[in-house]
Amino acid sequence: ACVGITNQRETTVAWSKRTGKPLHNAVVWLDMRTSDLCESLTKEVMGGDKDAFREICGLPISTYFSGVKMRWLLDNCDAVKAAASEDDLAFGTIDSWLMHKLVGEKAGTHVTDVTNASRTMLMDLRTQQWHEPTAVALGVPTRSLPRIVSCAEEYGVITRGVL
């Protein structure tokens, strides 16, 4: 038997690597609290070019994508900021959160598939790995990001009871 996961790809979750507990409510795909951040990133970091990352990640700077939501959480949530400073922060989209919960916190499974990673603004489409310069520009520590895996493989064994 197996389980497939479908999700809102841009909804973003932050949790403690140590405890497995969420550090803030999920920031959903349509959340507009990042609009001021997108404007300042476009002006101050990208010299007014909202498409500055497009060659690497295929996406413009937008409230829609997870990388900006991660930055917003770092800027606006003390628990997320503290976890980042202690290397205790795990960021992910809903797929990685579900894997973490289903396979078990103790298993250390912190993964996302390549299709979900591509919607963060942080993945290099050519290498299918996190793009460090983009993560630095957005202020997102790559050590908090899940390992990128294919979308068709075994990731672990469900350790919880009935779904």
N, C-alpha and C. Protein backbone atom coordinates (compact mmCIF):
# COMPACT_ATOMS: atom_id res chain seq x y z
N ALA A 1 0.85 -1.19 0.00
CA ALA A 1 0.00 0.00 0.00
C ALA A 1 0.89 1.25 0.00
N CYS A 2 0.34 2.32 -0.47
CA CYS A 2 1.10 3.56 -0.49
C CYS A 2 0.16 4.74 -0.31
N VAL A 3 0.74 5.90 -0.08
CA VAL A 3 0.00 7.14 0.09
C VAL A 3 0.59 8.16 -0.86
N GLY A 4 -0.26 8.88 -1.55
CA GLY A 4 0.17 10.00 -2.38
C GLY A 4 -0.27 11.29 -1.71
N ILE A 5 0.50 12.34 -1.89
CA ILE A 5 0.18 13.62 -1.26
C ILE A 5 -0.03 14.66 -2.36
N THR A 6 -1.14 15.36 -2.26
CA THR A 6 -1.35 16.55 -3.08
C THR A 6 -1.60 17.69 -2.11
N ASN A 7 -1.19 18.89 -2.45
CA ASN A 7 -1.27 19.97 -1.48
C ASN A 7 -1.29 21.34 -2.13
N GLN A 8 -1.50 22.34 -1.29
CA GLN A 8 -1.36 23.73 -1.72
C GLN A 8 0.14 24.02 -1.69
N ARG A 9 0.77 24.01 -2.83
CA ARG A 9 2.23 24.05 -2.93
C ARG A 9 2.88 25.25 -2.29
N GLU A 10 2.23 26.38 -2.26
CA GLU A 10 2.87 27.59 -1.76
C GLU A 10 2.60 27.85 -0.27
N THR A 11 1.67 27.11 0.35
CA THR A 11 1.42 27.26 1.77
C THR A 11 2.68 26.83 2.53
N THR A 12 3.11 27.65 3.49
CA THR A 12 4.41 27.49 4.13
C THR A 12 4.26 27.24 5.63
N VAL A 13 5.05 26.30 6.13
CA VAL A 13 5.04 25.93 7.55
C VAL A 13 6.46 26.05 8.10
N ALA A 14 6.57 26.49 9.35
CA ALA A 14 7.85 26.52 10.07
C ALA A 14 7.68 25.70 11.34
N TRP A 15 8.65 24.82 11.61
CA TRP A 15 8.59 24.02 12.83
C TRP A 15 9.97 23.81 13.41
N SER A 16 10.00 23.36 14.65
CA SER A 16 11.25 23.09 15.35
C SER A 16 11.77 21.73 14.93
N LYS A 17 13.03 21.68 14.51
CA LYS A 17 13.67 20.40 14.19
C LYS A 17 13.74 19.52 15.43
N ARG A 18 13.96 20.14 16.56
CA ARG A 18 14.17 19.41 17.82
C ARG A 18 12.88 18.81 18.35
N THR A 19 11.80 19.61 18.40
CA THR A 19 10.55 19.15 19.00
C THR A 19 9.51 18.70 17.99
N GLY A 20 9.64 19.12 16.75
CA GLY A 20 8.64 18.81 15.74
C GLY A 20 7.39 19.66 15.83
N LYS A 21 7.38 20.60 16.74
CA LYS A 21 6.19 21.45 16.95
C LYS A 21 6.23 22.64 16.00
N PRO A 22 5.04 23.02 15.47
CA PRO A 22 4.99 24.21 14.61
C PRO A 22 5.35 25.46 15.42
N LEU A 23 5.99 26.41 14.75
CA LEU A 23 6.43 27.65 15.40
C LEU A 23 5.47 28.81 15.14
N HIS A 24 4.55 28.62 14.21
CA HIS A 24 3.60 29.66 13.82
C HIS A 24 2.52 28.96 13.00
N ASN A 25 1.40 29.62 12.84
CA ASN A 25 0.39 29.09 11.93
C ASN A 25 0.96 29.06 10.51
N ALA A 26 0.46 28.15 9.70
CA ALA A 26 0.87 28.10 8.30
C ALA A 26 0.51 29.42 7.62
N VAL A 27 1.37 29.85 6.71
CA VAL A 27 1.09 31.04 5.91
C VAL A 27 0.59 30.51 4.57
N VAL A 28 -0.69 30.71 4.29
CA VAL A 28 -1.32 30.07 3.14
C VAL A 28 -0.98 30.76 1.83
N TRP A 29 -1.21 30.06 0.75
CA TRP A 29 -0.81 30.48 -0.59
C TRP A 29 -1.34 31.85 -0.97
N LEU A 30 -2.50 32.24 -0.48
CA LEU A 30 -3.11 33.50 -0.89
C LEU A 30 -2.87 34.64 0.11
N ASP A 31 -2.06 34.39 1.13
CA ASP A 31 -1.80 35.38 2.17
C ASP A 31 -1.07 36.60 1.59
N MET A 32 -1.62 37.78 1.84
CA MET A 32 -1.05 39.01 1.26
C MET A 32 -0.19 39.80 2.25
N ARG A 33 0.08 39.25 3.44
CA ARG A 33 0.91 39.98 4.41
C ARG A 33 2.32 40.22 3.90
N THR A 34 2.72 39.52 2.86
CA THR A 34 4.07 39.67 2.32
C THR A 34 4.16 40.75 1.24
N SER A 35 3.08 41.46 0.97
CA SER A 35 3.11 42.43 -0.15
C SER A 35 4.13 43.54 0.06
N ASP A 36 4.23 44.10 1.27
CA ASP A 36 5.23 45.14 1.53
C ASP A 36 6.65 44.58 1.39
N LEU A 37 6.85 43.37 1.85
CA LEU A 37 8.16 42.72 1.74
C LEU A 37 8.52 42.52 0.26
N CYS A 38 7.57 42.10 -0.55
CA CYS A 38 7.84 41.93 -1.99
C CYS A 38 8.24 43.26 -2.62
N GLU A 39 7.56 44.31 -2.26
CA GLU A 39 7.91 45.64 -2.80
C GLU A 39 9.32 46.05 -2.38
N SER A 40 9.66 45.87 -1.10
CA SER A 40 10.99 46.28 -0.64
C SER A 40 12.08 45.39 -1.24
N LEU A 41 11.85 44.08 -1.36
CA LEU A 41 12.83 43.20 -2.00
C LEU A 41 13.05 43.61 -3.45
N THR A 42 11.97 43.91 -4.14
CA THR A 42 12.08 44.31 -5.55
C THR A 42 12.90 45.59 -5.68
N LYS A 43 12.61 46.56 -4.83
CA LYS A 43 13.31 47.85 -4.92
C LYS A 43 14.73 47.80 -4.39
N GLU A 44 14.89 47.30 -3.17
CA GLU A 44 16.16 47.41 -2.46
C GLU A 44 17.15 46.29 -2.80
N VAL A 45 16.68 45.08 -2.97
CA VAL A 45 17.58 43.95 -3.19
C VAL A 45 17.76 43.68 -4.69
N MET A 46 16.70 43.84 -5.46
CA MET A 46 16.74 43.46 -6.86
C MET A 46 16.79 44.66 -7.81
N GLY A 47 17.02 45.84 -7.28
CA GLY A 47 17.17 47.02 -8.13
C GLY A 47 15.95 47.35 -8.96
N GLY A 48 14.77 47.03 -8.45
CA GLY A 48 13.52 47.34 -9.14
C GLY A 48 13.06 46.28 -10.12
N ASP A 49 13.80 45.19 -10.26
CA ASP A 49 13.47 44.15 -11.23
C ASP A 49 12.80 42.96 -10.54
N LYS A 50 11.47 42.88 -10.61
CA LYS A 50 10.77 41.77 -9.95
C LYS A 50 11.05 40.43 -10.62
N ASP A 51 11.65 40.44 -11.81
CA ASP A 51 11.99 39.21 -12.52
C ASP A 51 13.46 38.82 -12.36
N ALA A 52 14.15 39.42 -11.41
CA ALA A 52 15.59 39.19 -11.25
C ALA A 52 15.94 37.72 -10.98
N PHE A 53 15.05 36.96 -10.35
CA PHE A 53 15.31 35.56 -10.05
C PHE A 53 14.80 34.62 -11.14
N ARG A 54 14.04 35.15 -12.10
CA ARG A 54 13.34 34.30 -13.07
C ARG A 54 14.27 33.36 -13.84
N GLU A 55 15.46 33.80 -14.18
CA GLU A 55 16.39 32.94 -14.93
C GLU A 55 16.78 31.70 -14.13
N ILE A 56 16.87 31.84 -12.82
CA ILE A 56 17.25 30.71 -11.96
C ILE A 56 16.04 29.86 -11.59
N CYS A 57 14.99 30.51 -11.06
CA CYS A 57 13.88 29.76 -10.49
C CYS A 57 12.62 29.76 -11.35
N GLY A 58 12.59 30.59 -12.40
CA GLY A 58 11.43 30.63 -13.27
C GLY A 58 10.27 31.46 -12.75
N LEU A 59 10.46 32.16 -11.63
CA LEU A 59 9.37 32.88 -10.99
C LEU A 59 9.73 34.33 -10.70
N PRO A 60 8.74 35.21 -10.70
CA PRO A 60 8.97 36.60 -10.29
C PRO A 60 8.87 36.71 -8.77
N ILE A 61 9.35 37.80 -8.21
CA ILE A 61 9.10 38.07 -6.79
C ILE A 61 7.61 38.33 -6.66
N SER A 62 6.95 37.58 -5.80
CA SER A 62 5.50 37.67 -5.66
C SER A 62 5.07 37.19 -4.28
N THR A 63 3.97 37.71 -3.80
CA THR A 63 3.40 37.27 -2.53
C THR A 63 3.00 35.80 -2.57
N TYR A 64 2.83 35.27 -3.73
CA TYR A 64 2.31 33.93 -3.92
C TYR A 64 3.29 32.83 -3.51
N PHE A 65 4.59 33.05 -3.69
CA PHE A 65 5.56 31.98 -3.56
C PHE A 65 6.16 31.87 -2.15
N SER A 66 6.59 30.67 -1.79
CA SER A 66 6.97 30.33 -0.41
C SER A 66 8.21 31.02 0.11
N GLY A 67 9.19 31.30 -0.75
CA GLY A 67 10.42 31.94 -0.27
C GLY A 67 10.15 33.25 0.44
N VAL A 68 9.25 34.04 -0.10
CA VAL A 68 8.90 35.32 0.52
C VAL A 68 8.13 35.09 1.82
N LYS A 69 7.30 34.07 1.86
CA LYS A 69 6.58 33.73 3.09
C LYS A 69 7.56 33.31 4.19
N MET A 70 8.61 32.56 3.81
CA MET A 70 9.63 32.16 4.78
C MET A 70 10.33 33.39 5.35
N ARG A 71 10.69 34.31 4.47
CA ARG A 71 11.34 35.54 4.93
C ARG A 71 10.42 36.33 5.86
N TRP A 72 9.13 36.41 5.49
CA TRP A 72 8.16 37.12 6.32
C TRP A 72 8.09 36.50 7.72
N LEU A 73 8.07 35.16 7.79
CA LEU A 73 8.05 34.49 9.09
C LEU A 73 9.30 34.81 9.90
N LEU A 74 10.45 34.83 9.25
CA LEU A 74 11.70 35.18 9.94
C LEU A 74 11.66 36.61 10.47
N ASP A 75 11.06 37.52 9.72
CA ASP A 75 11.00 38.93 10.11
C ASP A 75 9.92 39.22 11.15
N ASN A 76 8.88 38.39 11.22
CA ASN A 76 7.70 38.74 12.02
C ASN A 76 7.33 37.78 13.13
N CYS A 77 8.03 36.69 13.26
CA CYS A 77 7.70 35.70 14.29
C CYS A 77 8.94 35.41 15.13
N ASP A 78 8.89 35.81 16.39
CA ASP A 78 10.05 35.65 17.29
C ASP A 78 10.48 34.18 17.42
N ALA A 79 9.52 33.26 17.46
CA ALA A 79 9.87 31.84 17.61
C ALA A 79 10.62 31.33 16.38
N VAL A 80 10.23 31.78 15.20
CA VAL A 80 10.91 31.37 13.97
C VAL A 80 12.31 31.96 13.94
N LYS A 81 12.42 33.22 14.29
CA LYS A 81 13.72 33.90 14.32
C LYS A 81 14.67 33.20 15.31
N ALA A 82 14.16 32.88 16.50
CA ALA A 82 14.99 32.21 17.52
C ALA A 82 15.42 30.82 17.05
N ALA A 83 14.50 30.08 16.45
CA ALA A 83 14.83 28.74 15.95
C ALA A 83 15.91 28.82 14.87
N ALA A 84 15.82 29.82 14.00
CA ALA A 84 16.84 29.99 12.95
C ALA A 84 18.20 30.26 13.57
N SER A 85 18.25 31.09 14.59
CA SER A 85 19.54 31.42 15.21
C SER A 85 20.14 30.23 15.95
N GLU A 86 19.31 29.28 16.35
CA GLU A 86 19.77 28.08 17.07
C GLU A 86 19.90 26.86 16.14
N ASP A 87 19.78 27.06 14.82
CA ASP A 87 19.78 25.98 13.83
C ASP A 87 18.75 24.91 14.18
N ASP A 88 17.59 25.37 14.64
CA ASP A 88 16.49 24.48 15.02
C ASP A 88 15.27 24.69 14.12
N LEU A 89 15.44 25.40 13.02
CA LEU A 89 14.32 25.76 12.16
C LEU A 89 14.20 24.82 10.98
N ALA A 90 12.99 24.32 10.77
CA ALA A 90 12.66 23.56 9.56
C ALA A 90 11.56 24.33 8.84
N PHE A 91 11.81 24.67 7.59
CA PHE A 91 10.80 25.28 6.73
C PHE A 91 10.33 24.23 5.75
N GLY A 92 9.10 24.37 5.33
CA GLY A 92 8.61 23.50 4.27
C GLY A 92 7.25 23.92 3.79
N THR A 93 6.85 23.31 2.70
CA THR A 93 5.49 23.45 2.24
C THR A 93 4.70 22.31 2.85
N ILE A 94 3.42 22.25 2.58
CA ILE A 94 2.56 21.27 3.25
C ILE A 94 3.02 19.83 3.00
N ASP A 95 3.56 19.55 1.83
CA ASP A 95 4.04 18.18 1.58
C ASP A 95 5.13 17.78 2.56
N SER A 96 6.08 18.68 2.81
CA SER A 96 7.17 18.32 3.73
C SER A 96 6.67 18.24 5.17
N TRP A 97 5.70 19.07 5.53
CA TRP A 97 5.10 19.00 6.87
C TRP A 97 4.37 17.67 7.05
N LEU A 98 3.59 17.26 6.05
CA LEU A 98 2.88 15.99 6.14
C LEU A 98 3.85 14.81 6.21
N MET A 99 4.91 14.84 5.42
CA MET A 99 5.91 13.77 5.50
C MET A 99 6.53 13.72 6.89
N HIS A 100 6.85 14.88 7.42
CA HIS A 100 7.43 14.96 8.76
C HIS A 100 6.49 14.33 9.79
N LYS A 101 5.21 14.64 9.69
CA LYS A 101 4.25 14.12 10.66
C LYS A 101 3.93 12.64 10.43
N LEU A 102 3.81 12.21 9.18
CA LEU A 102 3.45 10.82 8.89
C LEU A 102 4.59 9.84 9.11
N VAL A 103 5.78 10.21 8.67
CA VAL A 103 6.92 9.30 8.77
C VAL A 103 7.54 9.37 10.16
N GLY A 104 7.34 10.48 10.82
CA GLY A 104 7.78 10.58 12.20
C GLY A 104 8.90 11.57 12.39
N GLU A 105 8.73 12.38 13.42
CA GLU A 105 9.72 13.39 13.75
C GLU A 105 11.08 12.77 14.04
N LYS A 106 11.10 11.61 14.67
CA LYS A 106 12.36 10.99 15.06
C LYS A 106 13.13 10.45 13.85
N ALA A 107 12.42 10.17 12.76
CA ALA A 107 13.08 9.64 11.57
C ALA A 107 13.90 10.71 10.85
N GLY A 108 13.66 11.97 11.19
CA GLY A 108 14.42 13.05 10.58
C GLY A 108 14.09 13.28 9.11
N THR A 109 12.91 12.85 8.69
CA THR A 109 12.53 13.00 7.30
C THR A 109 12.08 14.43 7.06
N HIS A 110 12.92 15.19 6.39
CA HIS A 110 12.60 16.57 6.02
C HIS A 110 12.87 16.68 4.53
N VAL A 111 11.84 16.33 3.74
CA VAL A 111 11.98 16.29 2.29
C VAL A 111 10.83 17.05 1.63
N THR A 112 11.07 17.46 0.40
CA THR A 112 10.05 17.99 -0.48
C THR A 112 10.34 17.46 -1.87
N ASP A 113 9.31 17.28 -2.65
CA ASP A 113 9.59 16.82 -4.00
C ASP A 113 9.91 18.02 -4.89
N VAL A 114 10.53 17.73 -6.01
CA VAL A 114 11.05 18.77 -6.90
C VAL A 114 9.94 19.70 -7.40
N THR A 115 8.72 19.18 -7.59
CA THR A 115 7.65 20.04 -8.08
C THR A 115 7.22 21.07 -7.04
N ASN A 116 7.22 20.68 -5.78
CA ASN A 116 6.90 21.62 -4.71
C ASN A 116 8.05 22.60 -4.49
N ALA A 117 9.28 22.10 -4.53
CA ALA A 117 10.45 22.97 -4.35
C ALA A 117 10.50 24.05 -5.43
N SER A 118 10.04 23.71 -6.62
CA SER A 118 10.08 24.67 -7.72
C SER A 118 9.16 25.86 -7.50
N ARG A 119 8.25 25.78 -6.55
CA ARG A 119 7.30 26.85 -6.28
C ARG A 119 7.73 27.74 -5.11
N THR A 120 8.95 27.58 -4.65
CA THR A 120 9.42 28.38 -3.51
C THR A 120 10.16 29.65 -3.91
N MET A 121 10.64 29.75 -5.13
CA MET A 121 11.55 30.80 -5.62
C MET A 121 12.99 30.51 -5.22
N LEU A 122 13.26 29.41 -4.57
CA LEU A 122 14.59 29.13 -4.03
C LEU A 122 15.33 28.01 -4.76
N MET A 123 14.64 27.29 -5.65
CA MET A 123 15.27 26.16 -6.33
C MET A 123 15.78 26.57 -7.71
N ASP A 124 17.00 26.15 -8.02
CA ASP A 124 17.57 26.34 -9.35
C ASP A 124 16.94 25.28 -10.25
N LEU A 125 16.21 25.73 -11.27
CA LEU A 125 15.52 24.79 -12.16
C LEU A 125 16.48 23.88 -12.92
N ARG A 126 17.69 24.34 -13.17
CA ARG A 126 18.66 23.53 -13.93
C ARG A 126 19.25 22.40 -13.08
N THR A 127 19.63 22.72 -11.85
CA THR A 127 20.26 21.72 -10.99
C THR A 127 19.27 20.97 -10.10
N GLN A 128 18.08 21.53 -9.93
CA GLN A 128 17.06 21.01 -9.04
C GLN A 128 17.56 20.90 -7.60
N GLN A 129 18.35 21.90 -7.22
CA GLN A 129 18.86 22.04 -5.85
C GLN A 129 18.56 23.45 -5.36
N TRP A 130 18.65 23.65 -4.06
CA TRP A 130 18.46 25.00 -3.52
C TRP A 130 19.56 25.90 -4.07
N HIS A 131 19.19 27.11 -4.44
CA HIS A 131 20.12 28.08 -5.01
C HIS A 131 20.54 29.05 -3.90
N GLU A 132 21.73 28.83 -3.39
CA GLU A 132 22.22 29.59 -2.24
C GLU A 132 22.17 31.11 -2.45
N PRO A 133 22.62 31.67 -3.59
CA PRO A 133 22.57 33.13 -3.75
C PRO A 133 21.14 33.69 -3.67
N THR A 134 20.17 32.97 -4.19
CA THR A 134 18.78 33.42 -4.10
C THR A 134 18.30 33.34 -2.66
N ALA A 135 18.62 32.26 -1.98
CA ALA A 135 18.24 32.12 -0.57
C ALA A 135 18.86 33.24 0.27
N VAL A 136 20.11 33.56 0.02
CA VAL A 136 20.78 34.65 0.74
C VAL A 136 20.08 35.98 0.45
N ALA A 137 19.76 36.23 -0.81
CA ALA A 137 19.08 37.48 -1.18
C ALA A 137 17.73 37.60 -0.49
N LEU A 138 17.04 36.48 -0.31
CA LEU A 138 15.75 36.49 0.38
C LEU A 138 15.89 36.39 1.89
N GLY A 139 17.09 36.07 2.37
CA GLY A 139 17.30 35.95 3.82
C GLY A 139 16.80 34.65 4.40
N VAL A 140 16.77 33.59 3.60
CA VAL A 140 16.29 32.29 4.06
C VAL A 140 17.48 31.34 4.21
N PRO A 141 17.73 30.82 5.41
CA PRO A 141 18.85 29.89 5.60
C PRO A 141 18.59 28.54 4.93
N THR A 142 19.45 28.13 4.01
CA THR A 142 19.23 26.87 3.31
C THR A 142 19.28 25.67 4.25
N ARG A 143 19.96 25.79 5.37
CA ARG A 143 20.01 24.66 6.32
C ARG A 143 18.63 24.37 6.94
N SER A 144 17.68 25.29 6.76
CA SER A 144 16.33 25.08 7.28
C SER A 144 15.41 24.44 6.24
N LEU A 145 15.90 24.28 5.03
CA LEU A 145 15.07 23.78 3.94
C LEU A 145 15.14 22.26 3.82
N PRO A 146 14.07 21.65 3.32
CA PRO A 146 14.07 20.19 3.16
C PRO A 146 14.97 19.73 2.02
N ARG A 147 15.35 18.48 2.08
CA ARG A 147 16.11 17.85 0.99
C ARG A 147 15.15 17.69 -0.19
N ILE A 148 15.60 18.04 -1.39
CA ILE A 148 14.78 17.92 -2.59
C ILE A 148 14.92 16.50 -3.14
N VAL A 149 13.77 15.85 -3.36
CA VAL A 149 13.74 14.48 -3.87
C VAL A 149 12.85 14.43 -5.12
N SER A 150 12.87 13.30 -5.81
CA SER A 150 12.00 13.14 -6.97
C SER A 150 10.55 13.03 -6.50
N CYS A 151 9.63 13.10 -7.43
CA CYS A 151 8.22 13.02 -7.04
C CYS A 151 7.68 11.59 -7.10
N ALA A 152 8.54 10.61 -7.30
CA ALA A 152 8.08 9.23 -7.38
C ALA A 152 9.12 8.29 -6.78
N GLU A 153 9.13 8.21 -5.47
CA GLU A 153 10.02 7.27 -4.79
C GLU A 153 9.48 7.03 -3.39
N GLU A 154 10.06 6.08 -2.71
CA GLU A 154 9.66 5.81 -1.33
C GLU A 154 10.44 6.74 -0.41
N TYR A 155 9.72 7.44 0.45
CA TYR A 155 10.34 8.42 1.36
C TYR A 155 10.41 7.92 2.79
N GLY A 156 9.64 6.92 3.11
CA GLY A 156 9.63 6.40 4.48
C GLY A 156 8.42 5.53 4.71
N VAL A 157 8.27 5.07 5.94
CA VAL A 157 7.16 4.23 6.35
C VAL A 157 6.31 5.02 7.35
N ILE A 158 5.01 5.02 7.15
CA ILE A 158 4.12 5.77 8.04
C ILE A 158 4.18 5.16 9.43
N THR A 159 4.47 6.01 10.42
CA THR A 159 4.59 5.55 11.79
C THR A 159 3.36 5.84 12.63
N ARG A 160 2.43 6.58 12.09
CA ARG A 160 1.21 6.93 12.81
C ARG A 160 0.12 5.91 12.51
N GLY A 161 -0.95 5.97 13.30
CA GLY A 161 -2.09 5.09 13.10
C GLY A 161 -2.90 5.47 11.87
N VAL A 162 -4.18 5.23 11.93
CA VAL A 162 -5.08 5.47 10.82
C VAL A 162 -4.99 6.93 10.38
N LEU A 163 -4.97 7.16 9.07
CA LEU A 163 -4.89 8.53 8.55
C LEU A 163 -6.18 9.27 8.80
